[in-house]
Amino acid sequence: MVRLYGIKNCDSVKKAIKFLKAKEIAYELIDFKSTPVDCNTITPWLQQVEMKTLFNTRGTTYRTLKLKELGLDEEQQLQWLCKENLLIKRPVLDLDGKITVAFNQDIYENLFS
């Protein structure tokens, strides 16, 4: 089964859900607000994607927490991702263990062709 991680009201997550529904692909949405994920989930993702891909430096949470001022290294970024899931770039798609971050129509088409 496809797992989609994100938050329901995120535009990118909505696009991914719309895509999956249009293709009649069964999926499970793991909403970071109601079901936070921990380091046991996030750390394996980083074996497939780079920290700069997963860590959202453009979002409201990053700015609100003033994390840019802290000059975080990758280990510190990981700790922040584990305790503040809204710093994770969305959506994270887990297709049988293969991780894709952010919604891109072409990439999704290739994954599900």
PDB file of N, CA and C in Angstrom:
ATOM      1  N   MET A   1       0.832  -1.194   0.000  1.00  0.00           N
ATOM      2  CA  MET A   1       0.000   0.000   0.000  1.00  0.00           C
ATOM      3  C   MET A   1       0.878   1.259   0.000  1.00  0.00           C
ATOM      4  N   VAL A   2       0.358   2.276  -0.597  1.00  0.00           N
ATOM      5  CA  VAL A   2       1.035   3.572  -0.656  1.00  0.00           C
ATOM      6  C   VAL A   2       0.761   4.327   0.640  1.00  0.00           C
ATOM      7  N   ARG A   3       1.808   4.881   1.218  1.00  0.00           N
ATOM      8  CA  ARG A   3       1.646   5.749   2.381  1.00  0.00           C
ATOM      9  C   ARG A   3       2.010   7.162   1.953  1.00  0.00           C
ATOM     10  N   LEU A   4       1.168   8.092   2.323  1.00  0.00           N
ATOM     11  CA  LEU A   4       1.386   9.498   2.006  1.00  0.00           C
ATOM     12  C   LEU A   4       1.450  10.253   3.327  1.00  0.00           C
ATOM     13  N   TYR A   5       2.590  10.882   3.572  1.00  0.00           N
ATOM     14  CA  TYR A   5       2.797  11.627   4.811  1.00  0.00           C
ATOM     15  C   TYR A   5       2.678  13.109   4.529  1.00  0.00           C
ATOM     16  N   GLY A   6       1.986  13.819   5.404  1.00  0.00           N
ATOM     17  CA  GLY A   6       1.844  15.256   5.241  1.00  0.00           C
ATOM     18  C   GLY A   6       0.759  15.782   6.157  1.00  0.00           C
ATOM     19  N   ILE A   7       0.124  16.867   5.740  1.00  0.00           N
ATOM     20  CA  ILE A   7      -1.025  17.396   6.460  1.00  0.00           C
ATOM     21  C   ILE A   7      -2.148  17.638   5.456  1.00  0.00           C
ATOM     22  N   LYS A   8      -3.370  17.405   5.910  1.00  0.00           N
ATOM     23  CA  LYS A   8      -4.540  17.436   5.022  1.00  0.00           C
ATOM     24  C   LYS A   8      -4.719  18.753   4.282  1.00  0.00           C
ATOM     25  N   ASN A   9      -4.393  19.867   4.931  1.00  0.00           N
ATOM     26  CA  ASN A   9      -4.678  21.155   4.306  1.00  0.00           C
ATOM     27  C   ASN A   9      -3.518  21.710   3.481  1.00  0.00           C
ATOM     28  N   CYS A  10      -2.466  20.936   3.287  1.00  0.00           N
ATOM     29  CA  CYS A  10      -1.324  21.356   2.464  1.00  0.00           C
ATOM     30  C   CYS A  10      -1.685  21.207   0.983  1.00  0.00           C
ATOM     31  N   ASP A  11      -1.434  22.244   0.197  1.00  0.00           N
ATOM     32  CA  ASP A  11      -1.772  22.206  -1.230  1.00  0.00           C
ATOM     33  C   ASP A  11      -1.064  21.073  -1.973  1.00  0.00           C
ATOM     34  N   SER A  12       0.208  20.845  -1.664  1.00  0.00           N
ATOM     35  CA  SER A  12       0.953  19.773  -2.335  1.00  0.00           C
ATOM     36  C   SER A  12       0.399  18.401  -1.983  1.00  0.00           C
ATOM     37  N   VAL A  13       0.003  18.229  -0.737  1.00  0.00           N
ATOM     38  CA  VAL A  13      -0.610  16.965  -0.310  1.00  0.00           C
ATOM     39  C   VAL A  13      -1.946  16.782  -1.025  1.00  0.00           C
ATOM     40  N   LYS A  14      -2.721  17.852  -1.138  1.00  0.00           N
ATOM     41  CA  LYS A  14      -3.999  17.779  -1.847  1.00  0.00           C
ATOM     42  C   LYS A  14      -3.794  17.355  -3.306  1.00  0.00           C
ATOM     43  N   LYS A  15      -2.754  17.884  -3.951  1.00  0.00           N
ATOM     44  CA  LYS A  15      -2.461  17.503  -5.339  1.00  0.00           C
ATOM     45  C   LYS A  15      -2.102  16.024  -5.432  1.00  0.00           C
ATOM     46  N   ALA A  16      -1.310  15.546  -4.478  1.00  0.00           N
ATOM     47  CA  ALA A  16      -0.927  14.129  -4.474  1.00  0.00           C
ATOM     48  C   ALA A  16      -2.150  13.240  -4.268  1.00  0.00           C
ATOM     49  N   ILE A  17      -3.020  13.631  -3.340  1.00  0.00           N
ATOM     50  CA  ILE A  17      -4.240  12.864  -3.090  1.00  0.00           C
ATOM     51  C   ILE A  17      -5.127  12.847  -4.335  1.00  0.00           C
ATOM     52  N   LYS A  18      -5.270  13.987  -4.971  1.00  0.00           N
ATOM     53  CA  LYS A  18      -6.078  14.075  -6.198  1.00  0.00           C
ATOM     54  C   LYS A  18      -5.516  13.143  -7.264  1.00  0.00           C
ATOM     55  N   PHE A  19      -4.194  13.133  -7.406  1.00  0.00           N
ATOM     56  CA  PHE A  19      -3.536  12.257  -8.380  1.00  0.00           C
ATOM     57  C   PHE A  19      -3.835  10.789  -8.059  1.00  0.00           C
ATOM     58  N   LEU A  20      -3.628  10.402  -6.799  1.00  0.00           N
ATOM     59  CA  LEU A  20      -3.830   9.004  -6.402  1.00  0.00           C
ATOM     60  C   LEU A  20      -5.281   8.576  -6.592  1.00  0.00           C
ATOM     61  N   LYS A  21      -6.210   9.448  -6.249  1.00  0.00           N
ATOM     62  CA  LYS A  21      -7.637   9.123  -6.433  1.00  0.00           C
ATOM     63  C   LYS A  21      -7.978   8.987  -7.910  1.00  0.00           C
ATOM     64  N   ALA A  22      -7.448   9.884  -8.735  1.00  0.00           N
ATOM     65  CA  ALA A  22      -7.726   9.829 -10.178  1.00  0.00           C
ATOM     66  C   ALA A  22      -7.217   8.530 -10.793  1.00  0.00           C
ATOM     67  N   LYS A  23      -6.107   8.030 -10.273  1.00  0.00           N
ATOM     68  CA  LYS A  23      -5.525   6.776 -10.775  1.00  0.00           C
ATOM     69  C   LYS A  23      -6.081   5.551 -10.047  1.00  0.00           C
ATOM     70  N   GLU A  24      -7.010   5.804  -9.113  1.00  0.00           N
ATOM     71  CA  GLU A  24      -7.618   4.740  -8.312  1.00  0.00           C
ATOM     72  C   GLU A  24      -6.567   3.905  -7.584  1.00  0.00           C
ATOM     73  N   ILE A  25      -5.610   4.609  -6.991  1.00  0.00           N
ATOM     74  CA  ILE A  25      -4.532   3.972  -6.228  1.00  0.00           C
ATOM     75  C   ILE A  25      -4.873   4.082  -4.741  1.00  0.00           C
ATOM     76  N   ALA A  26      -4.922   2.935  -4.088  1.00  0.00           N
ATOM     77  CA  ALA A  26      -5.211   2.915  -2.645  1.00  0.00           C
ATOM     78  C   ALA A  26      -4.033   3.531  -1.903  1.00  0.00           C
ATOM     79  N   TYR A  27      -4.342   4.346  -0.918  1.00  0.00           N
ATOM     80  CA  TYR A  27      -3.296   4.992  -0.143  1.00  0.00           C
ATOM     81  C   TYR A  27      -3.764   5.194   1.283  1.00  0.00           C
ATOM     82  N   GLU A  28      -2.789   5.403   2.160  1.00  0.00           N
ATOM     83  CA  GLU A  28      -3.065   5.751   3.545  1.00  0.00           C
ATOM     84  C   GLU A  28      -2.414   7.098   3.792  1.00  0.00           C
ATOM     85  N   LEU A  29      -3.194   8.047   4.304  1.00  0.00           N
ATOM     86  CA  LEU A  29      -2.652   9.360   4.645  1.00  0.00           C
ATOM     87  C   LEU A  29      -2.258   9.364   6.112  1.00  0.00           C
ATOM     88  N   ILE A  30      -0.996   9.660   6.365  1.00  0.00           N
ATOM     89  CA  ILE A  30      -0.511   9.822   7.732  1.00  0.00           C
ATOM     90  C   ILE A  30      -0.343  11.320   7.941  1.00  0.00           C
ATOM     91  N   ASP A  31      -1.252  11.889   8.706  1.00  0.00           N
ATOM     92  CA  ASP A  31      -1.271  13.330   8.934  1.00  0.00           C
ATOM     93  C   ASP A  31      -0.354  13.655  10.115  1.00  0.00           C
ATOM     94  N   PHE A  32       0.650  14.493   9.861  1.00  0.00           N
ATOM     95  CA  PHE A  32       1.623  14.836  10.888  1.00  0.00           C
ATOM     96  C   PHE A  32       0.984  15.463  12.127  1.00  0.00           C
ATOM     97  N   LYS A  33      -0.155  16.121  11.944  1.00  0.00           N
ATOM     98  CA  LYS A  33      -0.789  16.784  13.083  1.00  0.00           C
ATOM     99  C   LYS A  33      -1.476  15.786  14.008  1.00  0.00           C
ATOM    100  N   SER A  34      -2.091  14.755  13.455  1.00  0.00           N
ATOM    101  CA  SER A  34      -2.804  13.781  14.287  1.00  0.00           C
ATOM    102  C   SER A  34      -1.977  12.537  14.593  1.00  0.00           C
ATOM    103  N   THR A  35      -1.000  12.233  13.736  1.00  0.00           N
ATOM    104  CA  THR A  35      -0.156  11.056  13.918  1.00  0.00           C
ATOM    105  C   THR A  35       1.302  11.434  13.643  1.00  0.00           C
ATOM    106  N   PRO A  36       1.954  12.087  14.585  1.00  0.00           N
ATOM    107  CA  PRO A  36       3.347  12.484  14.360  1.00  0.00           C
ATOM    108  C   PRO A  36       4.247  11.265  14.128  1.00  0.00           C
ATOM    109  N   VAL A  37       5.263  11.448  13.311  1.00  0.00           N
ATOM    110  CA  VAL A  37       6.247  10.384  13.084  1.00  0.00           C
ATOM    111  C   VAL A  37       7.512  10.731  13.863  1.00  0.00           C
ATOM    112  N   ASP A  38       8.273   9.698  14.211  1.00  0.00           N
ATOM    113  CA  ASP A  38       9.472   9.920  15.006  1.00  0.00           C
ATOM    114  C   ASP A  38      10.724   9.587  14.196  1.00  0.00           C
ATOM    115  N   CYS A  39      11.861   9.616  14.864  1.00  0.00           N
ATOM    116  CA  CYS A  39      13.140   9.368  14.190  1.00  0.00           C
ATOM    117  C   CYS A  39      13.222   7.974  13.580  1.00  0.00           C
ATOM    118  N   ASN A  40      12.495   7.005  14.142  1.00  0.00           N
ATOM    119  CA  ASN A  40      12.511   5.652  13.584  1.00  0.00           C
ATOM    120  C   ASN A  40      11.900   5.607  12.193  1.00  0.00           C
ATOM    121  N   THR A  41      11.028   6.532  11.891  1.00  0.00           N
ATOM    122  CA  THR A  41      10.431   6.630  10.559  1.00  0.00           C
ATOM    123  C   THR A  41      11.275   7.529   9.658  1.00  0.00           C
ATOM    124  N   ILE A  42      11.712   8.656  10.196  1.00  0.00           N
ATOM    125  CA  ILE A  42      12.409   9.673   9.393  1.00  0.00           C
ATOM    126  C   ILE A  42      13.825   9.257   8.999  1.00  0.00           C
ATOM    127  N   THR A  43      14.571   8.649   9.905  1.00  0.00           N
ATOM    128  CA  THR A  43      15.971   8.298   9.633  1.00  0.00           C
ATOM    129  C   THR A  43      16.126   7.417   8.390  1.00  0.00           C
ATOM    130  N   PRO A  44      15.313   6.377   8.213  1.00  0.00           N
ATOM    131  CA  PRO A  44      15.456   5.580   6.977  1.00  0.00           C
ATOM    132  C   PRO A  44      15.179   6.371   5.697  1.00  0.00           C
ATOM    133  N   TRP A  45      14.301   7.384   5.792  1.00  0.00           N
ATOM    134  CA  TRP A  45      14.051   8.216   4.611  1.00  0.00           C
ATOM    135  C   TRP A  45      15.345   8.868   4.145  1.00  0.00           C
ATOM    136  N   LEU A  46      16.195   9.236   5.096  1.00  0.00           N
ATOM    137  CA  LEU A  46      17.429   9.951   4.771  1.00  0.00           C
ATOM    138  C   LEU A  46      18.488   9.046   4.143  1.00  0.00           C
ATOM    139  N   GLN A  47      18.216   7.766   4.059  1.00  0.00           N
ATOM    140  CA  GLN A  47      19.088   6.872   3.308  1.00  0.00           C
ATOM    141  C   GLN A  47      18.783   6.955   1.816  1.00  0.00           C
ATOM    142  N   GLN A  48      17.617   7.545   1.482  1.00  0.00           N
ATOM    143  CA  GLN A  48      17.209   7.658   0.083  1.00  0.00           C
ATOM    144  C   GLN A  48      17.168   9.094  -0.431  1.00  0.00           C
ATOM    145  N   VAL A  49      16.909  10.034   0.461  1.00  0.00           N
ATOM    146  CA  VAL A  49      16.844  11.440   0.053  1.00  0.00           C
ATOM    147  C   VAL A  49      17.778  12.260   0.934  1.00  0.00           C
ATOM    148  N   GLU A  50      18.288  13.334   0.391  1.00  0.00           N
ATOM    149  CA  GLU A  50      19.194  14.191   1.145  1.00  0.00           C
ATOM    150  C   GLU A  50      18.421  15.036   2.158  1.00  0.00           C
ATOM    151  N   MET A  51      19.132  15.442   3.197  1.00  0.00           N
ATOM    152  CA  MET A  51      18.521  16.282   4.223  1.00  0.00           C
ATOM    153  C   MET A  51      17.960  17.554   3.607  1.00  0.00           C
ATOM    154  N   LYS A  52      18.687  18.147   2.667  1.00  0.00           N
ATOM    155  CA  LYS A  52      18.211  19.405   2.082  1.00  0.00           C
ATOM    156  C   LYS A  52      16.920  19.212   1.283  1.00  0.00           C
ATOM    157  N   THR A  53      16.648  17.985   0.861  1.00  0.00           N
ATOM    158  CA  THR A  53      15.399  17.685   0.172  1.00  0.00           C
ATOM    159  C   THR A  53      14.264  17.524   1.179  1.00  0.00           C
ATOM    160  N   LEU A  54      14.551  16.911   2.313  1.00  0.00           N
ATOM    161  CA  LEU A  54      13.513  16.605   3.304  1.00  0.00           C
ATOM    162  C   LEU A  54      13.224  17.763   4.254  1.00  0.00           C
ATOM    163  N   PHE A  55      14.232  18.549   4.574  1.00  0.00           N
ATOM    164  CA  PHE A  55      14.090  19.623   5.571  1.00  0.00           C
ATOM    165  C   PHE A  55      13.588  20.880   4.876  1.00  0.00           C
ATOM    166  N   ASN A  56      12.384  21.307   5.260  1.00  0.00           N
ATOM    167  CA  ASN A  56      11.727  22.436   4.602  1.00  0.00           C
ATOM    168  C   ASN A  56      12.186  23.765   5.211  1.00  0.00           C
ATOM    169  N   THR A  57      13.046  24.464   4.492  1.00  0.00           N
ATOM    170  CA  THR A  57      13.535  25.763   4.964  1.00  0.00           C
ATOM    171  C   THR A  57      12.700  26.917   4.419  1.00  0.00           C
ATOM    172  N   ARG A  58      11.649  26.602   3.675  1.00  0.00           N
ATOM    173  CA  ARG A  58      10.836  27.664   3.073  1.00  0.00           C
ATOM    174  C   ARG A  58       9.483  27.843   3.741  1.00  0.00           C
ATOM    175  N   GLY A  59       9.201  27.006   4.730  1.00  0.00           N
ATOM    176  CA  GLY A  59       7.888  27.035   5.340  1.00  0.00           C
ATOM    177  C   GLY A  59       7.767  27.966   6.534  1.00  0.00           C
ATOM    178  N   THR A  60       6.528  28.143   6.942  1.00  0.00           N
ATOM    179  CA  THR A  60       6.210  29.015   8.071  1.00  0.00           C
ATOM    180  C   THR A  60       6.843  28.513   9.367  1.00  0.00           C
ATOM    181  N   THR A  61       6.824  27.207   9.580  1.00  0.00           N
ATOM    182  CA  THR A  61       7.369  26.648  10.822  1.00  0.00           C
ATOM    183  C   THR A  61       8.844  26.985  10.967  1.00  0.00           C
ATOM    184  N   TYR A  62       9.594  26.843   9.881  1.00  0.00           N
ATOM    185  CA  TYR A  62      11.034  27.151   9.894  1.00  0.00           C
ATOM    186  C   TYR A  62      11.263  28.615  10.269  1.00  0.00           C
ATOM    187  N   ARG A  63      10.479  29.494   9.678  1.00  0.00           N
ATOM    188  CA  ARG A  63      10.635  30.929   9.965  1.00  0.00           C
ATOM    189  C   ARG A  63      10.196  31.262  11.385  1.00  0.00           C
ATOM    190  N   THR A  64       9.078  30.690  11.816  1.00  0.00           N
ATOM    191  CA  THR A  64       8.547  30.958  13.151  1.00  0.00           C
ATOM    192  C   THR A  64       9.534  30.532  14.237  1.00  0.00           C
ATOM    193  N   LEU A  65      10.167  29.383  14.036  1.00  0.00           N
ATOM    194  CA  LEU A  65      11.129  28.867  15.019  1.00  0.00           C
ATOM    195  C   LEU A  65      12.504  29.538  14.911  1.00  0.00           C
ATOM    196  N   LYS A  66      12.680  30.386  13.886  1.00  0.00           N
ATOM    197  CA  LYS A  66      13.943  31.111  13.667  1.00  0.00           C
ATOM    198  C   LYS A  66      15.139  30.163  13.593  1.00  0.00           C
ATOM    199  N   LEU A  67      14.954  29.066  12.868  1.00  0.00           N
ATOM    200  CA  LEU A  67      16.003  28.048  12.783  1.00  0.00           C
ATOM    201  C   LEU A  67      17.177  28.473  11.914  1.00  0.00           C
ATOM    202  N   LYS A  68      16.949  29.384  10.986  1.00  0.00           N
ATOM    203  CA  LYS A  68      18.047  29.842  10.139  1.00  0.00           C
ATOM    204  C   LYS A  68      19.145  30.463  10.990  1.00  0.00           C
ATOM    205  N   GLU A  69      18.731  31.171  12.016  1.00  0.00           N
ATOM    206  CA  GLU A  69      19.687  31.846  12.893  1.00  0.00           C
ATOM    207  C   GLU A  69      20.564  30.866  13.668  1.00  0.00           C
ATOM    208  N   LEU A  70      20.110  29.625  13.825  1.00  0.00           N
ATOM    209  CA  LEU A  70      20.857  28.633  14.603  1.00  0.00           C
ATOM    210  C   LEU A  70      21.953  27.941  13.798  1.00  0.00           C
ATOM    211  N   GLY A  71      21.902  28.042  12.469  1.00  0.00           N
ATOM    212  CA  GLY A  71      22.926  27.405  11.632  1.00  0.00           C
ATOM    213  C   GLY A  71      23.053  25.914  11.917  1.00  0.00           C
ATOM    214  N   LEU A  72      21.958  25.208  11.832  1.00  0.00           N
ATOM    215  CA  LEU A  72      21.897  23.796  12.201  1.00  0.00           C
ATOM    216  C   LEU A  72      22.718  22.907  11.276  1.00  0.00           C
ATOM    217  N   ASP A  73      23.433  21.926  11.866  1.00  0.00           N
ATOM    218  CA  ASP A  73      24.076  20.899  11.044  1.00  0.00           C
ATOM    219  C   ASP A  73      23.036  19.796  10.789  1.00  0.00           C
ATOM    220  N   GLU A  74      23.400  18.773  10.013  1.00  0.00           N
ATOM    221  CA  GLU A  74      22.417  17.758   9.627  1.00  0.00           C
ATOM    222  C   GLU A  74      21.882  16.970  10.815  1.00  0.00           C
ATOM    223  N   GLU A  75      22.703  16.690  11.813  1.00  0.00           N
ATOM    224  CA  GLU A  75      22.230  15.966  12.992  1.00  0.00           C
ATOM    225  C   GLU A  75      21.207  16.798  13.754  1.00  0.00           C
ATOM    226  N   GLN A  76      21.469  18.084  13.868  1.00  0.00           N
ATOM    227  CA  GLN A  76      20.518  18.972  14.542  1.00  0.00           C
ATOM    228  C   GLN A  76      19.226  19.103  13.726  1.00  0.00           C
ATOM    229  N   GLN A  77      19.363  19.153  12.411  1.00  0.00           N
ATOM    230  CA  GLN A  77      18.170  19.199  11.567  1.00  0.00           C
ATOM    231  C   GLN A  77      17.327  17.946  11.764  1.00  0.00           C
ATOM    232  N   LEU A  78      17.976  16.789  11.842  1.00  0.00           N
ATOM    233  CA  LEU A  78      17.254  15.542  12.070  1.00  0.00           C
ATOM    234  C   LEU A  78      16.489  15.598  13.389  1.00  0.00           C
ATOM    235  N   GLN A  79      17.118  16.085  14.422  1.00  0.00           N
ATOM    236  CA  GLN A  79      16.444  16.180  15.726  1.00  0.00           C
ATOM    237  C   GLN A  79      15.221  17.091  15.639  1.00  0.00           C
ATOM    238  N   TRP A  80      15.344  18.188  14.901  1.00  0.00           N
ATOM    239  CA  TRP A  80      14.196  19.085  14.727  1.00  0.00           C
ATOM    240  C   TRP A  80      13.082  18.404  13.930  1.00  0.00           C
ATOM    241  N   LEU A  81      13.449  17.671  12.871  1.00  0.00           N
ATOM    242  CA  LEU A  81      12.430  16.963  12.086  1.00  0.00           C
ATOM    243  C   LEU A  81      11.659  15.969  12.953  1.00  0.00           C
ATOM    244  N   CYS A  82      12.372  15.306  13.850  1.00  0.00           N
ATOM    245  CA  CYS A  82      11.751  14.287  14.700  1.00  0.00           C
ATOM    246  C   CYS A  82      10.799  14.889  15.716  1.00  0.00           C
ATOM    247  N   LYS A  83      11.088  16.092  16.184  1.00  0.00           N
ATOM    248  CA  LYS A  83      10.198  16.676  17.189  1.00  0.00           C
ATOM    249  C   LYS A  83       9.202  17.672  16.598  1.00  0.00           C
ATOM    250  N   GLU A  84       9.447  18.137  15.393  1.00  0.00           N
ATOM    251  CA  GLU A  84       8.558  19.103  14.743  1.00  0.00           C
ATOM    252  C   GLU A  84       8.338  18.675  13.293  1.00  0.00           C
ATOM    253  N   ASN A  85       7.382  17.745  13.095  1.00  0.00           N
ATOM    254  CA  ASN A  85       7.139  17.167  11.771  1.00  0.00           C
ATOM    255  C   ASN A  85       6.760  18.182  10.703  1.00  0.00           C
ATOM    256  N   LEU A  86       6.260  19.341  11.096  1.00  0.00           N
ATOM    257  CA  LEU A  86       5.873  20.336  10.088  1.00  0.00           C
ATOM    258  C   LEU A  86       7.082  20.935   9.383  1.00  0.00           C
ATOM    259  N   LEU A  87       8.280  20.578   9.816  1.00  0.00           N
ATOM    260  CA  LEU A  87       9.499  20.981   9.113  1.00  0.00           C
ATOM    261  C   LEU A  87       9.822  20.040   7.945  1.00  0.00           C
ATOM    262  N   ILE A  88       9.080  18.953   7.834  1.00  0.00           N
ATOM    263  CA  ILE A  88       9.298  17.991   6.750  1.00  0.00           C
ATOM    264  C   ILE A  88       8.608  18.499   5.490  1.00  0.00           C
ATOM    265  N   LYS A  89       9.368  18.524   4.404  1.00  0.00           N
ATOM    266  CA  LYS A  89       8.797  18.936   3.118  1.00  0.00           C
ATOM    267  C   LYS A  89       7.724  17.925   2.731  1.00  0.00           C
ATOM    268  N   ARG A  90       6.605  18.434   2.246  1.00  0.00           N
ATOM    269  CA  ARG A  90       5.453  17.574   1.986  1.00  0.00           C
ATOM    270  C   ARG A  90       5.067  17.559   0.511  1.00  0.00           C
ATOM    271  N   PRO A  91       4.395  16.461   0.141  1.00  0.00           N
ATOM    272  CA  PRO A  91       4.197  15.223   0.876  1.00  0.00           C
ATOM    273  C   PRO A  91       5.412  14.302   0.759  1.00  0.00           C
ATOM    274  N   VAL A  92       5.480  13.342   1.664  1.00  0.00           N
ATOM    275  CA  VAL A  92       6.448  12.255   1.550  1.00  0.00           C
ATOM    276  C   VAL A  92       5.635  11.035   1.132  1.00  0.00           C
ATOM    277  N   LEU A  93       5.979  10.482  -0.015  1.00  0.00           N
ATOM    278  CA  LEU A  93       5.289   9.312  -0.549  1.00  0.00           C
ATOM    279  C   LEU A  93       6.177   8.095  -0.315  1.00  0.00           C
ATOM    280  N   ASP A  94       5.617   7.088   0.324  1.00  0.00           N
ATOM    281  CA  ASP A  94       6.325   5.828   0.554  1.00  0.00           C
ATOM    282  C   ASP A  94       5.632   4.767  -0.292  1.00  0.00           C
ATOM    283  N   LEU A  95       6.287   4.382  -1.360  1.00  0.00           N
ATOM    284  CA  LEU A  95       5.765   3.363  -2.263  1.00  0.00           C
ATOM    285  C   LEU A  95       6.621   2.118  -2.099  1.00  0.00           C
ATOM    286  N   ASP A  96       6.142   1.193  -1.291  1.00  0.00           N
ATOM    287  CA  ASP A  96       6.877  -0.048  -1.017  1.00  0.00           C
ATOM    288  C   ASP A  96       8.314   0.217  -0.579  1.00  0.00           C
ATOM    289  N   GLY A  97       8.493   1.220   0.264  1.00  0.00           N
ATOM    290  CA  GLY A  97       9.819   1.531   0.788  1.00  0.00           C
ATOM    291  C   GLY A  97      10.614   2.529  -0.030  1.00  0.00           C
ATOM    292  N   LYS A  98      10.129   2.871  -1.222  1.00  0.00           N
ATOM    293  CA  LYS A  98      10.799   3.885  -2.047  1.00  0.00           C
ATOM    294  C   LYS A  98      10.195   5.243  -1.684  1.00  0.00           C
ATOM    295  N   ILE A  99      11.064   6.167  -1.286  1.00  0.00           N
ATOM    296  CA  ILE A  99      10.626   7.464  -0.781  1.00  0.00           C
ATOM    297  C   ILE A  99      10.748   8.540  -1.857  1.00  0.00           C
ATOM    298  N   THR A 100       9.678   9.312  -2.011  1.00  0.00           N
ATOM    299  CA  THR A 100       9.649  10.464  -2.904  1.00  0.00           C
ATOM    300  C   THR A 100       9.150  11.653  -2.091  1.00  0.00           C
ATOM    301  N   VAL A 101       9.859  12.775  -2.187  1.00  0.00           N
ATOM    302  CA  VAL A 101       9.498  13.965  -1.422  1.00  0.00           C
ATOM    303  C   VAL A 101       8.992  15.048  -2.360  1.00  0.00           C
ATOM    304  N   ALA A 102       7.891  15.674  -1.980  1.00  0.00           N
ATOM    305  CA  ALA A 102       7.226  16.750  -2.724  1.00  0.00           C
ATOM    306  C   ALA A 102       6.397  16.139  -3.859  1.00  0.00           C
ATOM    307  N   PHE A 103       5.417  16.888  -4.321  1.00  0.00           N
ATOM    308  CA  PHE A 103       4.589  16.400  -5.413  1.00  0.00           C
ATOM    309  C   PHE A 103       5.111  16.939  -6.729  1.00  0.00           C
ATOM    310  N   ASN A 104       5.345  16.020  -7.655  1.00  0.00           N
ATOM    311  CA  ASN A 104       5.741  16.363  -9.006  1.00  0.00           C
ATOM    312  C   ASN A 104       4.962  15.424  -9.929  1.00  0.00           C
ATOM    313  N   GLN A 105       4.100  15.990 -10.741  1.00  0.00           N
ATOM    314  CA  GLN A 105       3.213  15.205 -11.610  1.00  0.00           C
ATOM    315  C   GLN A 105       3.994  14.176 -12.435  1.00  0.00           C
ATOM    316  N   ASP A 106       5.080  14.593 -13.065  1.00  0.00           N
ATOM    317  CA  ASP A 106       5.849  13.690 -13.926  1.00  0.00           C
ATOM    318  C   ASP A 106       6.451  12.533 -13.139  1.00  0.00           C
ATOM    319  N   ILE A 107       6.988  12.838 -11.974  1.00  0.00           N
ATOM    320  CA  ILE A 107       7.581  11.781 -11.144  1.00  0.00           C
ATOM    321  C   ILE A 107       6.506  10.793 -10.700  1.00  0.00           C
ATOM    322  N   TYR A 108       5.369  11.300 -10.274  1.00  0.00           N
ATOM    323  CA  TYR A 108       4.269  10.422  -9.859  1.00  0.00           C
ATOM    324  C   TYR A 108       3.798   9.568 -11.034  1.00  0.00           C
ATOM    325  N   GLU A 109       3.700  10.160 -12.222  1.00  0.00           N
ATOM    326  CA  GLU A 109       3.291   9.380 -13.414  1.00  0.00           C
ATOM    327  C   GLU A 109       4.248   8.231 -13.647  1.00  0.00           C
ATOM    328  N   ASN A 110       5.557   8.497 -13.534  1.00  0.00           N
ATOM    329  CA  ASN A 110       6.557   7.442 -13.733  1.00  0.00           C
ATOM    330  C   ASN A 110       6.472   6.367 -12.652  1.00  0.00           C
ATOM    331  N   LEU A 111       6.253   6.768 -11.419  1.00  0.00           N
ATOM    332  CA  LEU A 111       6.146   5.800 -10.321  1.00  0.00           C
ATOM    333  C   LEU A 111       4.979   4.857 -10.487  1.00  0.00           C
ATOM    334  N   PHE A 112       3.882   5.366 -11.030  1.00  0.00           N
ATOM    335  CA  PHE A 112       2.661   4.576 -11.091  1.00  0.00           C
ATOM    336  C   PHE A 112       2.279   4.151 -12.507  1.00  0.00           C
ATOM    337  N   SER A 113       3.239   4.154 -13.423  1.00  0.00           N
ATOM    338  CA  SER A 113       2.929   3.747 -14.805  1.00  0.00           C
ATOM    339  C   SER A 113       3.044   2.240 -14.978  1.00  0.00           C
TER     340      SER A 113
END
